[in-house]
Amino acid sequence: MNKDITGNLLKGCSPYIGKMVYDVADRTLIIECVDNVKNMRPAKRIELSGVVKYDEENLDDVLDDQLLDSIIGINWMDDKKLCIHTEKKEIILKLENSPRVIDIKAH
């Protein structure tokens, strides 16, 4: 099973990440994507809760903090394991819950 859900989660928003935070105590990963690179206004929040296992690998030897990170793909590896591939890292999550998307565009 390798089901790509990137388009469903990012529908109507850019793949550029404004904020990505993993809360260990809450077992939740929050990814906020922006409307576009020029405005950088938060547009969508992807909430991944019920994280049972979290593995992260940096893809660059030297991290460039000036480089804006963006989502390349989000894929189910099986019914509970999700892979998030960005320009800078790959994150593998084992989840108890399905991803939740919240539209946070400023009106």
PDB file of N, CA and C in Angstrom:
ATOM      1  N   MET A   1       0.849  -1.186   0.000  1.00  0.00           N
ATOM      2  CA  MET A   1       0.000   0.000   0.000  1.00  0.00           C
ATOM      3  C   MET A   1       0.889   1.241   0.000  1.00  0.00           C
ATOM      4  N   ASN A   2       0.731   2.090  -0.951  1.00  0.00           N
ATOM      5  CA  ASN A   2       1.436   3.371  -0.980  1.00  0.00           C
ATOM      6  C   ASN A   2       0.455   4.387  -1.538  1.00  0.00           C
ATOM      7  N   LYS A   3      -0.431   4.842  -0.682  1.00  0.00           N
ATOM      8  CA  LYS A   3      -1.506   5.725  -1.104  1.00  0.00           C
ATOM      9  C   LYS A   3      -1.107   7.180  -0.875  1.00  0.00           C
ATOM     10  N   ASP A   4      -0.994   7.930  -1.961  1.00  0.00           N
ATOM     11  CA  ASP A   4      -0.620   9.338  -1.905  1.00  0.00           C
ATOM     12  C   ASP A   4      -1.851  10.176  -1.526  1.00  0.00           C
ATOM     13  N   ILE A   5      -1.755  10.890  -0.380  1.00  0.00           N
ATOM     14  CA  ILE A   5      -2.864  11.744   0.063  1.00  0.00           C
ATOM     15  C   ILE A   5      -2.476  13.226   0.064  1.00  0.00           C
ATOM     16  N   THR A   6      -1.361  13.550  -0.577  1.00  0.00           N
ATOM     17  CA  THR A   6      -0.859  14.923  -0.606  1.00  0.00           C
ATOM     18  C   THR A   6      -1.902  15.891  -1.151  1.00  0.00           C
ATOM     19  N   GLY A   7      -2.463  15.580  -2.304  1.00  0.00           N
ATOM     20  CA  GLY A   7      -3.448  16.462  -2.943  1.00  0.00           C
ATOM     21  C   GLY A   7      -4.679  16.692  -2.079  1.00  0.00           C
ATOM     22  N   ASN A   8      -5.140  15.644  -1.395  1.00  0.00           N
ATOM     23  CA  ASN A   8      -6.311  15.781  -0.521  1.00  0.00           C
ATOM     24  C   ASN A   8      -6.017  16.705   0.656  1.00  0.00           C
ATOM     25  N   LEU A   9      -4.836  16.570   1.249  1.00  0.00           N
ATOM     26  CA  LEU A   9      -4.502  17.360   2.430  1.00  0.00           C
ATOM     27  C   LEU A   9      -4.169  18.816   2.096  1.00  0.00           C
ATOM     28  N   LEU A  10      -3.547  19.048   0.945  1.00  0.00           N
ATOM     29  CA  LEU A  10      -3.094  20.400   0.586  1.00  0.00           C
ATOM     30  C   LEU A  10      -4.021  21.114  -0.390  1.00  0.00           C
ATOM     31  N   LYS A  11      -5.169  20.567  -0.664  1.00  0.00           N
ATOM     32  CA  LYS A  11      -6.088  21.145  -1.654  1.00  0.00           C
ATOM     33  C   LYS A  11      -6.347  22.630  -1.363  1.00  0.00           C
ATOM     34  N   GLY A  12      -6.071  23.471  -2.361  1.00  0.00           N
ATOM     35  CA  GLY A  12      -6.312  24.904  -2.238  1.00  0.00           C
ATOM     36  C   GLY A  12      -5.209  25.668  -1.523  1.00  0.00           C
ATOM     37  N   CYS A  13      -4.040  25.073  -1.385  1.00  0.00           N
ATOM     38  CA  CYS A  13      -2.948  25.724  -0.664  1.00  0.00           C
ATOM     39  C   CYS A  13      -1.613  25.288  -1.258  1.00  0.00           C
ATOM     40  N   SER A  14      -0.576  26.053  -0.993  1.00  0.00           N
ATOM     41  CA  SER A  14       0.753  25.718  -1.499  1.00  0.00           C
ATOM     42  C   SER A  14       1.379  24.611  -0.642  1.00  0.00           C
ATOM     43  N   PRO A  15       2.442  23.969  -1.132  1.00  0.00           N
ATOM     44  CA  PRO A  15       3.120  22.948  -0.331  1.00  0.00           C
ATOM     45  C   PRO A  15       4.153  23.535   0.638  1.00  0.00           C
ATOM     46  N   TYR A  16       4.305  24.866   0.647  1.00  0.00           N
ATOM     47  CA  TYR A  16       5.340  25.496   1.470  1.00  0.00           C
ATOM     48  C   TYR A  16       4.939  25.499   2.945  1.00  0.00           C
ATOM     49  N   ILE A  17       5.880  25.086   3.782  1.00  0.00           N
ATOM     50  CA  ILE A  17       5.628  24.933   5.217  1.00  0.00           C
ATOM     51  C   ILE A  17       6.005  26.211   5.958  1.00  0.00           C
ATOM     52  N   GLY A  18       5.040  26.781   6.669  1.00  0.00           N
ATOM     53  CA  GLY A  18       5.293  27.945   7.503  1.00  0.00           C
ATOM     54  C   GLY A  18       5.705  27.539   8.907  1.00  0.00           C
ATOM     55  N   LYS A  19       5.155  26.399   9.363  1.00  0.00           N
ATOM     56  CA  LYS A  19       5.449  25.929  10.721  1.00  0.00           C
ATOM     57  C   LYS A  19       5.244  24.422  10.779  1.00  0.00           C
ATOM     58  N   MET A  20       6.183  23.749  11.457  1.00  0.00           N
ATOM     59  CA  MET A  20       6.057  22.314  11.710  1.00  0.00           C
ATOM     60  C   MET A  20       6.534  22.064  13.130  1.00  0.00           C
ATOM     61  N   VAL A  21       5.630  21.545  13.971  1.00  0.00           N
ATOM     62  CA  VAL A  21       5.946  21.344  15.381  1.00  0.00           C
ATOM     63  C   VAL A  21       5.455  19.968  15.828  1.00  0.00           C
ATOM     64  N   TYR A  22       6.369  19.220  16.469  1.00  0.00           N
ATOM     65  CA  TYR A  22       5.987  17.941  17.068  1.00  0.00           C
ATOM     66  C   TYR A  22       5.941  18.116  18.576  1.00  0.00           C
ATOM     67  N   ASP A  23       4.768  17.896  19.160  1.00  0.00           N
ATOM     68  CA  ASP A  23       4.575  17.990  20.603  1.00  0.00           C
ATOM     69  C   ASP A  23       4.640  16.579  21.177  1.00  0.00           C
ATOM     70  N   VAL A  24       5.749  16.277  21.846  1.00  0.00           N
ATOM     71  CA  VAL A  24       5.984  14.939  22.381  1.00  0.00           C
ATOM     72  C   VAL A  24       4.940  14.584  23.441  1.00  0.00           C
ATOM     73  N   ALA A  25       4.643  15.507  24.344  1.00  0.00           N
ATOM     74  CA  ALA A  25       3.697  15.237  25.431  1.00  0.00           C
ATOM     75  C   ALA A  25       2.289  14.979  24.901  1.00  0.00           C
ATOM     76  N   ASP A  26       1.891  15.728  23.865  1.00  0.00           N
ATOM     77  CA  ASP A  26       0.550  15.610  23.291  1.00  0.00           C
ATOM     78  C   ASP A  26       0.490  14.539  22.200  1.00  0.00           C
ATOM     79  N   ARG A  27       1.670  14.053  21.756  1.00  0.00           N
ATOM     80  CA  ARG A  27       1.784  13.070  20.681  1.00  0.00           C
ATOM     81  C   ARG A  27       1.099  13.548  19.402  1.00  0.00           C
ATOM     82  N   THR A  28       1.377  14.821  19.041  1.00  0.00           N
ATOM     83  CA  THR A  28       0.756  15.445  17.868  1.00  0.00           C
ATOM     84  C   THR A  28       1.799  16.177  17.029  1.00  0.00           C
ATOM     85  N   LEU A  29       1.721  15.981  15.712  1.00  0.00           N
ATOM     86  CA  LEU A  29       2.532  16.740  14.770  1.00  0.00           C
ATOM     87  C   LEU A  29       1.602  17.705  14.051  1.00  0.00           C
ATOM     88  N   ILE A  30       1.971  18.994  14.082  1.00  0.00           N
ATOM     89  CA  ILE A  30       1.208  20.047  13.404  1.00  0.00           C
ATOM     90  C   ILE A  30       2.061  20.583  12.258  1.00  0.00           C
ATOM     91  N   ILE A  31       1.480  20.626  11.067  1.00  0.00           N
ATOM     92  CA  ILE A  31       2.137  21.219   9.911  1.00  0.00           C
ATOM     93  C   ILE A  31       1.218  22.307   9.373  1.00  0.00           C
ATOM     94  N   GLU A  32       1.728  23.534   9.312  1.00  0.00           N
ATOM     95  CA  GLU A  32       0.961  24.626   8.726  1.00  0.00           C
ATOM     96  C   GLU A  32       1.587  25.005   7.396  1.00  0.00           C
ATOM     97  N   CYS A  33       0.790  24.942   6.344  1.00  0.00           N
ATOM     98  CA  CYS A  33       1.248  25.343   5.017  1.00  0.00           C
ATOM     99  C   CYS A  33       0.668  26.719   4.693  1.00  0.00           C
ATOM    100  N   VAL A  34       1.415  27.470   3.903  1.00  0.00           N
ATOM    101  CA  VAL A  34       1.055  28.853   3.606  1.00  0.00           C
ATOM    102  C   VAL A  34       0.345  28.962   2.264  1.00  0.00           C
ATOM    103  N   ASP A  35      -0.312  30.133   2.060  1.00  0.00           N
ATOM    104  CA  ASP A  35      -1.059  30.342   0.822  1.00  0.00           C
ATOM    105  C   ASP A  35      -0.136  30.434  -0.388  1.00  0.00           C
ATOM    106  N   ASN A  36       0.971  31.170  -0.246  1.00  0.00           N
ATOM    107  CA  ASN A  36       1.978  31.247  -1.307  1.00  0.00           C
ATOM    108  C   ASN A  36       3.265  31.815  -0.717  1.00  0.00           C
ATOM    109  N   VAL A  37       4.333  31.754  -1.494  1.00  0.00           N
ATOM    110  CA  VAL A  37       5.655  32.162  -1.002  1.00  0.00           C
ATOM    111  C   VAL A  37       5.738  33.665  -0.759  1.00  0.00           C
ATOM    112  N   LYS A  38       5.015  34.454  -1.517  1.00  0.00           N
ATOM    113  CA  LYS A  38       5.079  35.912  -1.360  1.00  0.00           C
ATOM    114  C   LYS A  38       4.405  36.381  -0.080  1.00  0.00           C
ATOM    115  N   ASN A  39       3.212  35.876   0.203  1.00  0.00           N
ATOM    116  CA  ASN A  39       2.451  36.326   1.376  1.00  0.00           C
ATOM    117  C   ASN A  39       2.835  35.600   2.657  1.00  0.00           C
ATOM    118  N   MET A  40       3.093  34.295   2.541  1.00  0.00           N
ATOM    119  CA  MET A  40       3.439  33.451   3.688  1.00  0.00           C
ATOM    120  C   MET A  40       2.366  33.477   4.775  1.00  0.00           C
ATOM    121  N   ARG A  41       1.097  33.624   4.366  1.00  0.00           N
ATOM    122  CA  ARG A  41      -0.008  33.570   5.332  1.00  0.00           C
ATOM    123  C   ARG A  41      -0.430  32.120   5.528  1.00  0.00           C
ATOM    124  N   PRO A  42      -0.614  31.693   6.783  1.00  0.00           N
ATOM    125  CA  PRO A  42      -1.074  30.324   7.022  1.00  0.00           C
ATOM    126  C   PRO A  42      -2.379  30.059   6.283  1.00  0.00           C
ATOM    127  N   ALA A  43      -2.461  28.910   5.611  1.00  0.00           N
ATOM    128  CA  ALA A  43      -3.650  28.573   4.839  1.00  0.00           C
ATOM    129  C   ALA A  43      -4.298  27.265   5.315  1.00  0.00           C
ATOM    130  N   LYS A  44      -3.487  26.249   5.589  1.00  0.00           N
ATOM    131  CA  LYS A  44      -3.998  24.942   6.039  1.00  0.00           C
ATOM    132  C   LYS A  44      -3.157  24.431   7.194  1.00  0.00           C
ATOM    133  N   ARG A  45      -3.824  23.805   8.139  1.00  0.00           N
ATOM    134  CA  ARG A  45      -3.139  23.147   9.247  1.00  0.00           C
ATOM    135  C   ARG A  45      -3.461  21.660   9.157  1.00  0.00           C
ATOM    136  N   ILE A  46      -2.417  20.856   9.087  1.00  0.00           N
ATOM    137  CA  ILE A  46      -2.574  19.405   9.096  1.00  0.00           C
ATOM    138  C   ILE A  46      -2.223  18.943  10.503  1.00  0.00           C
ATOM    139  N   GLU A  47      -3.189  18.310  11.169  1.00  0.00           N
ATOM    140  CA  GLU A  47      -2.977  17.810  12.526  1.00  0.00           C
ATOM    141  C   GLU A  47      -2.900  16.293  12.481  1.00  0.00           C
ATOM    142  N   LEU A  48      -1.791  15.776  12.966  1.00  0.00           N
ATOM    143  CA  LEU A  48      -1.568  14.336  13.022  1.00  0.00           C
ATOM    144  C   LEU A  48      -1.470  13.971  14.497  1.00  0.00           C
ATOM    145  N   SER A  49      -2.556  13.450  15.038  1.00  0.00           N
ATOM    146  CA  SER A  49      -2.605  13.163  16.473  1.00  0.00           C
ATOM    147  C   SER A  49      -2.582  11.660  16.724  1.00  0.00           C
ATOM    148  N   GLY A  50      -2.314  11.311  17.966  1.00  0.00           N
ATOM    149  CA  GLY A  50      -2.226   9.903  18.333  1.00  0.00           C
ATOM    150  C   GLY A  50      -0.969   9.248  17.776  1.00  0.00           C
ATOM    151  N   VAL A  51       0.140   9.989  17.791  1.00  0.00           N
ATOM    152  CA  VAL A  51       1.406   9.453  17.273  1.00  0.00           C
ATOM    153  C   VAL A  51       1.935   8.392  18.236  1.00  0.00           C
ATOM    154  N   VAL A  52       2.072   7.174  17.742  1.00  0.00           N
ATOM    155  CA  VAL A  52       2.591   6.056  18.525  1.00  0.00           C
ATOM    156  C   VAL A  52       4.103   5.950  18.349  1.00  0.00           C
ATOM    157  N   LYS A  53       4.564   6.254  17.133  1.00  0.00           N
ATOM    158  CA  LYS A  53       5.994   6.201  16.824  1.00  0.00           C
ATOM    159  C   LYS A  53       6.325   7.340  15.873  1.00  0.00           C
ATOM    160  N   TYR A  54       7.475   8.005  16.131  1.00  0.00           N
ATOM    161  CA  TYR A  54       7.918   9.141  15.324  1.00  0.00           C
ATOM    162  C   TYR A  54       9.380   8.936  14.955  1.00  0.00           C
ATOM    163  N   ASP A  55       9.662   8.865  13.663  1.00  0.00           N
ATOM    164  CA  ASP A  55      11.039   8.762  13.177  1.00  0.00           C
ATOM    165  C   ASP A  55      11.265   9.884  12.173  1.00  0.00           C
ATOM    166  N   GLU A  56      12.379  10.592  12.331  1.00  0.00           N
ATOM    167  CA  GLU A  56      12.703  11.714  11.447  1.00  0.00           C
ATOM    168  C   GLU A  56      14.135  11.580  10.965  1.00  0.00           C
ATOM    169  N   GLU A  57      14.330  11.811   9.675  1.00  0.00           N
ATOM    170  CA  GLU A  57      15.669  11.783   9.103  1.00  0.00           C
ATOM    171  C   GLU A  57      15.872  13.049   8.279  1.00  0.00           C
ATOM    172  N   ASN A  58      16.954  13.781   8.583  1.00  0.00           N
ATOM    173  CA  ASN A  58      17.301  14.949   7.788  1.00  0.00           C
ATOM    174  C   ASN A  58      17.913  14.468   6.477  1.00  0.00           C
ATOM    175  N   LEU A  59      17.499  15.075   5.375  1.00  0.00           N
ATOM    176  CA  LEU A  59      17.952  14.633   4.062  1.00  0.00           C
ATOM    177  C   LEU A  59      19.199  15.357   3.585  1.00  0.00           C
ATOM    178  N   ASP A  60      19.503  16.500   4.181  1.00  0.00           N
ATOM    179  CA  ASP A  60      20.712  17.245   3.822  1.00  0.00           C
ATOM    180  C   ASP A  60      21.766  17.055   4.896  1.00  0.00           C
ATOM    181  N   ASP A  61      23.028  16.966   4.470  1.00  0.00           N
ATOM    182  CA  ASP A  61      24.124  16.905   5.435  1.00  0.00           C
ATOM    183  C   ASP A  61      24.267  18.235   6.155  1.00  0.00           C
ATOM    184  N   VAL A  62      24.103  19.321   5.415  1.00  0.00           N
ATOM    185  CA  VAL A  62      24.176  20.668   5.985  1.00  0.00           C
ATOM    186  C   VAL A  62      22.802  21.309   5.828  1.00  0.00           C
ATOM    187  N   LEU A  63      22.154  21.581   6.948  1.00  0.00           N
ATOM    188  CA  LEU A  63      20.830  22.186   6.892  1.00  0.00           C
ATOM    189  C   LEU A  63      20.941  23.671   6.577  1.00  0.00           C
ATOM    190  N   ASP A  64      20.198  24.120   5.603  1.00  0.00           N
ATOM    191  CA  ASP A  64      20.155  25.529   5.216  1.00  0.00           C
ATOM    192  C   ASP A  64      18.888  26.138   5.796  1.00  0.00           C
ATOM    193  N   ASP A  65      19.027  26.877   6.891  1.00  0.00           N
ATOM    194  CA  ASP A  65      17.867  27.478   7.542  1.00  0.00           C
ATOM    195  C   ASP A  65      17.217  28.555   6.688  1.00  0.00           C
ATOM    196  N   GLN A  66      17.899  29.041   5.668  1.00  0.00           N
ATOM    197  CA  GLN A  66      17.335  30.049   4.782  1.00  0.00           C
ATOM    198  C   GLN A  66      16.454  29.421   3.697  1.00  0.00           C
ATOM    199  N   LEU A  67      16.602  28.122   3.468  1.00  0.00           N
ATOM    200  CA  LEU A  67      15.818  27.424   2.466  1.00  0.00           C
ATOM    201  C   LEU A  67      14.436  27.118   3.026  1.00  0.00           C
ATOM    202  N   LEU A  68      13.416  27.552   2.312  1.00  0.00           N
ATOM    203  CA  LEU A  68      12.039  27.301   2.722  1.00  0.00           C
ATOM    204  C   LEU A  68      11.707  25.834   2.473  1.00  0.00           C
ATOM    205  N   ASP A  69      11.183  25.170   3.467  1.00  0.00           N
ATOM    206  CA  ASP A  69      10.843  23.760   3.336  1.00  0.00           C
ATOM    207  C   ASP A  69       9.471  23.626   2.683  1.00  0.00           C
ATOM    208  N   SER A  70       9.286  22.572   1.922  1.00  0.00           N
ATOM    209  CA  SER A  70       7.987  22.322   1.302  1.00  0.00           C
ATOM    210  C   SER A  70       7.722  20.821   1.267  1.00  0.00           C
ATOM    211  N   ILE A  71       6.445  20.494   1.241  1.00  0.00           N
ATOM    212  CA  ILE A  71       6.030  19.094   1.214  1.00  0.00           C
ATOM    213  C   ILE A  71       6.154  18.566  -0.207  1.00  0.00           C
ATOM    214  N   ILE A  72       6.839  17.449  -0.340  1.00  0.00           N
ATOM    215  CA  ILE A  72       6.962  16.769  -1.632  1.00  0.00           C
ATOM    216  C   ILE A  72       5.863  15.720  -1.752  1.00  0.00           C
ATOM    217  N   GLY A  73       5.616  15.001  -0.661  1.00  0.00           N
ATOM    218  CA  GLY A  73       4.577  13.980  -0.689  1.00  0.00           C
ATOM    219  C   GLY A  73       4.199  13.502   0.697  1.00  0.00           C
ATOM    220  N   ILE A  74       2.939  13.108   0.839  1.00  0.00           N
ATOM    221  CA  ILE A  74       2.436  12.487   2.065  1.00  0.00           C
ATOM    222  C   ILE A  74       1.740  11.203   1.630  1.00  0.00           C
ATOM    223  N   ASN A  75       2.259  10.075   2.108  1.00  0.00           N
ATOM    224  CA  ASN A  75       1.780   8.773   1.647  1.00  0.00           C
ATOM    225  C   ASN A  75       1.543   7.812   2.798  1.00  0.00           C
ATOM    226  N   TRP A  76       0.421   7.096   2.713  1.00  0.00           N
ATOM    227  CA  TRP A  76       0.193   5.991   3.635  1.00  0.00           C
ATOM    228  C   TRP A  76       1.070   4.835   3.195  1.00  0.00           C
ATOM    229  N   MET A  77       1.845   4.293   4.112  1.00  0.00           N
ATOM    230  CA  MET A  77       2.674   3.119   3.831  1.00  0.00           C
ATOM    231  C   MET A  77       1.901   1.841   4.150  1.00  0.00           C
ATOM    232  N   ASP A  78       1.038   1.917   5.155  1.00  0.00           N
ATOM    233  CA  ASP A  78       0.051   0.886   5.461  1.00  0.00           C
ATOM    234  C   ASP A  78      -1.087   1.602   6.191  1.00  0.00           C
ATOM    235  N   ASP A  79      -2.012   0.876   6.784  1.00  0.00           N
ATOM    236  CA  ASP A  79      -3.199   1.530   7.338  1.00  0.00           C
ATOM    237  C   ASP A  79      -2.937   2.394   8.570  1.00  0.00           C
ATOM    238  N   LYS A  80      -1.772   2.319   9.184  1.00  0.00           N
ATOM    239  CA  LYS A  80      -1.449   3.141  10.362  1.00  0.00           C
ATOM    240  C   LYS A  80      -0.136   3.908  10.229  1.00  0.00           C
ATOM    241  N   LYS A  81       0.630   3.661   9.165  1.00  0.00           N
ATOM    242  CA  LYS A  81       1.951   4.270   9.008  1.00  0.00           C
ATOM    243  C   LYS A  81       1.943   5.280   7.862  1.00  0.00           C
ATOM    244  N   LEU A  82       2.376   6.514   8.178  1.00  0.00           N
ATOM    245  CA  LEU A  82       2.363   7.615   7.225  1.00  0.00           C
ATOM    246  C   LEU A  82       3.771   8.139   7.007  1.00  0.00           C
ATOM    247  N   CYS A  83       4.126   8.431   5.754  1.00  0.00           N
ATOM    248  CA  CYS A  83       5.425   9.006   5.408  1.00  0.00           C
ATOM    249  C   CYS A  83       5.210  10.421   4.888  1.00  0.00           C
ATOM    250  N   ILE A  84       5.900  11.378   5.500  1.00  0.00           N
ATOM    251  CA  ILE A  84       5.860  12.770   5.063  1.00  0.00           C
ATOM    252  C   ILE A  84       7.247  13.103   4.544  1.00  0.00           C
ATOM    253  N   HIS A  85       7.327  13.418   3.254  1.00  0.00           N
ATOM    254  CA  HIS A  85       8.604  13.705   2.605  1.00  0.00           C
ATOM    255  C   HIS A  85       8.623  15.191   2.246  1.00  0.00           C
ATOM    256  N   THR A  86       9.602  15.937   2.793  1.00  0.00           N
ATOM    257  CA  THR A  86       9.747  17.361   2.495  1.00  0.00           C
ATOM    258  C   THR A  86      11.107  17.578   1.830  1.00  0.00           C
ATOM    259  N   GLU A  87      11.366  18.819   1.464  1.00  0.00           N
ATOM    260  CA  GLU A  87      12.655  19.164   0.862  1.00  0.00           C
ATOM    261  C   GLU A  87      13.814  18.864   1.822  1.00  0.00           C
ATOM    262  N   LYS A  88      13.559  18.986   3.134  1.00  0.00           N
ATOM    263  CA  LYS A  88      14.625  18.861   4.131  1.00  0.00           C
ATOM    264  C   LYS A  88      14.634  17.555   4.908  1.00  0.00           C
ATOM    265  N   LYS A  89      13.496  16.863   4.980  1.00  0.00           N
ATOM    266  CA  LYS A  89      13.443  15.680   5.845  1.00  0.00           C
ATOM    267  C   LYS A  89      12.409  14.677   5.389  1.00  0.00           C
ATOM    268  N   GLU A  90      12.515  13.510   5.991  1.00  0.00           N
ATOM    269  CA  GLU A  90      11.509  12.471   5.816  1.00  0.00           C
ATOM    270  C   GLU A  90      11.063  12.057   7.214  1.00  0.00           C
ATOM    271  N   ILE A  91       9.759  12.058   7.424  1.00  0.00           N
ATOM    272  CA  ILE A  91       9.187  11.717   8.721  1.00  0.00           C
ATOM    273  C   ILE A  91       8.278  10.506   8.528  1.00  0.00           C
ATOM    274  N   ILE A  92       8.483   9.496   9.359  1.00  0.00           N
ATOM    275  CA  ILE A  92       7.628   8.308   9.349  1.00  0.00           C
ATOM    276  C   ILE A  92       6.876   8.294  10.678  1.00  0.00           C
ATOM    277  N   LEU A  93       5.549   8.246  10.589  1.00  0.00           N
ATOM    278  CA  LEU A  93       4.698   8.253  11.774  1.00  0.00           C
ATOM    279  C   LEU A  93       3.840   6.997  11.813  1.00  0.00           C
ATOM    280  N   LYS A  94       3.706   6.430  13.000  1.00  0.00           N
ATOM    281  CA  LYS A  94       2.683   5.412  13.223  1.00  0.00           C
ATOM    282  C   LYS A  94       1.594   6.120  14.013  1.00  0.00           C
ATOM    283  N   LEU A  95       0.369   6.098  13.482  1.00  0.00           N
ATOM    284  CA  LEU A  95      -0.725   6.899  14.035  1.00  0.00           C
ATOM    285  C   LEU A  95      -1.893   6.066  14.528  1.00  0.00           C
ATOM    286  N   GLU A  96      -2.549   6.571  15.572  1.00  0.00           N
ATOM    287  CA  GLU A  96      -3.800   5.987  16.041  1.00  0.00           C
ATOM    288  C   GLU A  96      -4.988   6.635  15.340  1.00  0.00           C
ATOM    289  N   ASN A  97      -4.812   7.896  14.869  1.00  0.00           N
ATOM    290  CA  ASN A  97      -5.911   8.667  14.284  1.00  0.00           C
ATOM    291  C   ASN A  97      -5.605   9.048  12.837  1.00  0.00           C
ATOM    292  N   SER A  98      -6.627   9.365  12.098  1.00  0.00           N
ATOM    293  CA  SER A  98      -6.467   9.852  10.726  1.00  0.00           C
ATOM    294  C   SER A  98      -6.057  11.316  10.746  1.00  0.00           C
ATOM    295  N   PRO A  99      -5.343  11.761   9.706  1.00  0.00           N
ATOM    296  CA  PRO A  99      -4.975  13.185   9.626  1.00  0.00           C
ATOM    297  C   PRO A  99      -6.233  14.055   9.578  1.00  0.00           C
ATOM    298  N   ARG A 100      -6.096  15.222  10.186  1.00  0.00           N
ATOM    299  CA  ARG A 100      -7.192  16.194  10.187  1.00  0.00           C
ATOM    300  C   ARG A 100      -6.679  17.477   9.552  1.00  0.00           C
ATOM    301  N   VAL A 101      -7.463  18.061   8.656  1.00  0.00           N
ATOM    302  CA  VAL A 101      -7.066  19.285   7.970  1.00  0.00           C
ATOM    303  C   VAL A 101      -8.012  20.407   8.386  1.00  0.00           C
ATOM    304  N   ILE A 102      -7.411  21.546   8.745  1.00  0.00           N
ATOM    305  CA  ILE A 102      -8.178  22.730   9.148  1.00  0.00           C
ATOM    306  C   ILE A 102      -7.818  23.872   8.235  1.00  0.00           C
ATOM    307  N   ASP A 103      -8.817  24.501   7.644  1.00  0.00           N
ATOM    308  CA  ASP A 103      -8.603  25.668   6.794  1.00  0.00           C
ATOM    309  C   ASP A 103      -8.408  26.864   7.717  1.00  0.00           C
ATOM    310  N   ILE A 104      -7.235  27.522   7.637  1.00  0.00           N
ATOM    311  CA  ILE A 104      -6.942  28.653   8.527  1.00  0.00           C
ATOM    312  C   ILE A 104      -6.661  29.932   7.753  1.00  0.00           C
ATOM    313  N   LYS A 105      -7.131  30.012   6.518  1.00  0.00           N
ATOM    314  CA  LYS A 105      -6.909  31.204   5.709  1.00  0.00           C
ATOM    315  C   LYS A 105      -7.516  32.418   6.393  1.00  0.00           C
ATOM    316  N   ALA A 106      -6.749  33.511   6.391  1.00  0.00           N
ATOM    317  CA  ALA A 106      -7.256  34.774   6.937  1.00  0.00           C
ATOM    318  C   ALA A 106      -8.252  35.360   5.952  1.00  0.00           C
ATOM    319  N   HIS A 107      -9.343  35.857   6.449  1.00  0.00           N
ATOM    320  CA  HIS A 107     -10.380  36.431   5.576  1.00  0.00           C
ATOM    321  C   HIS A 107     -10.185  37.911   5.405  1.00  0.00           C
TER     322      HIS A 107
END
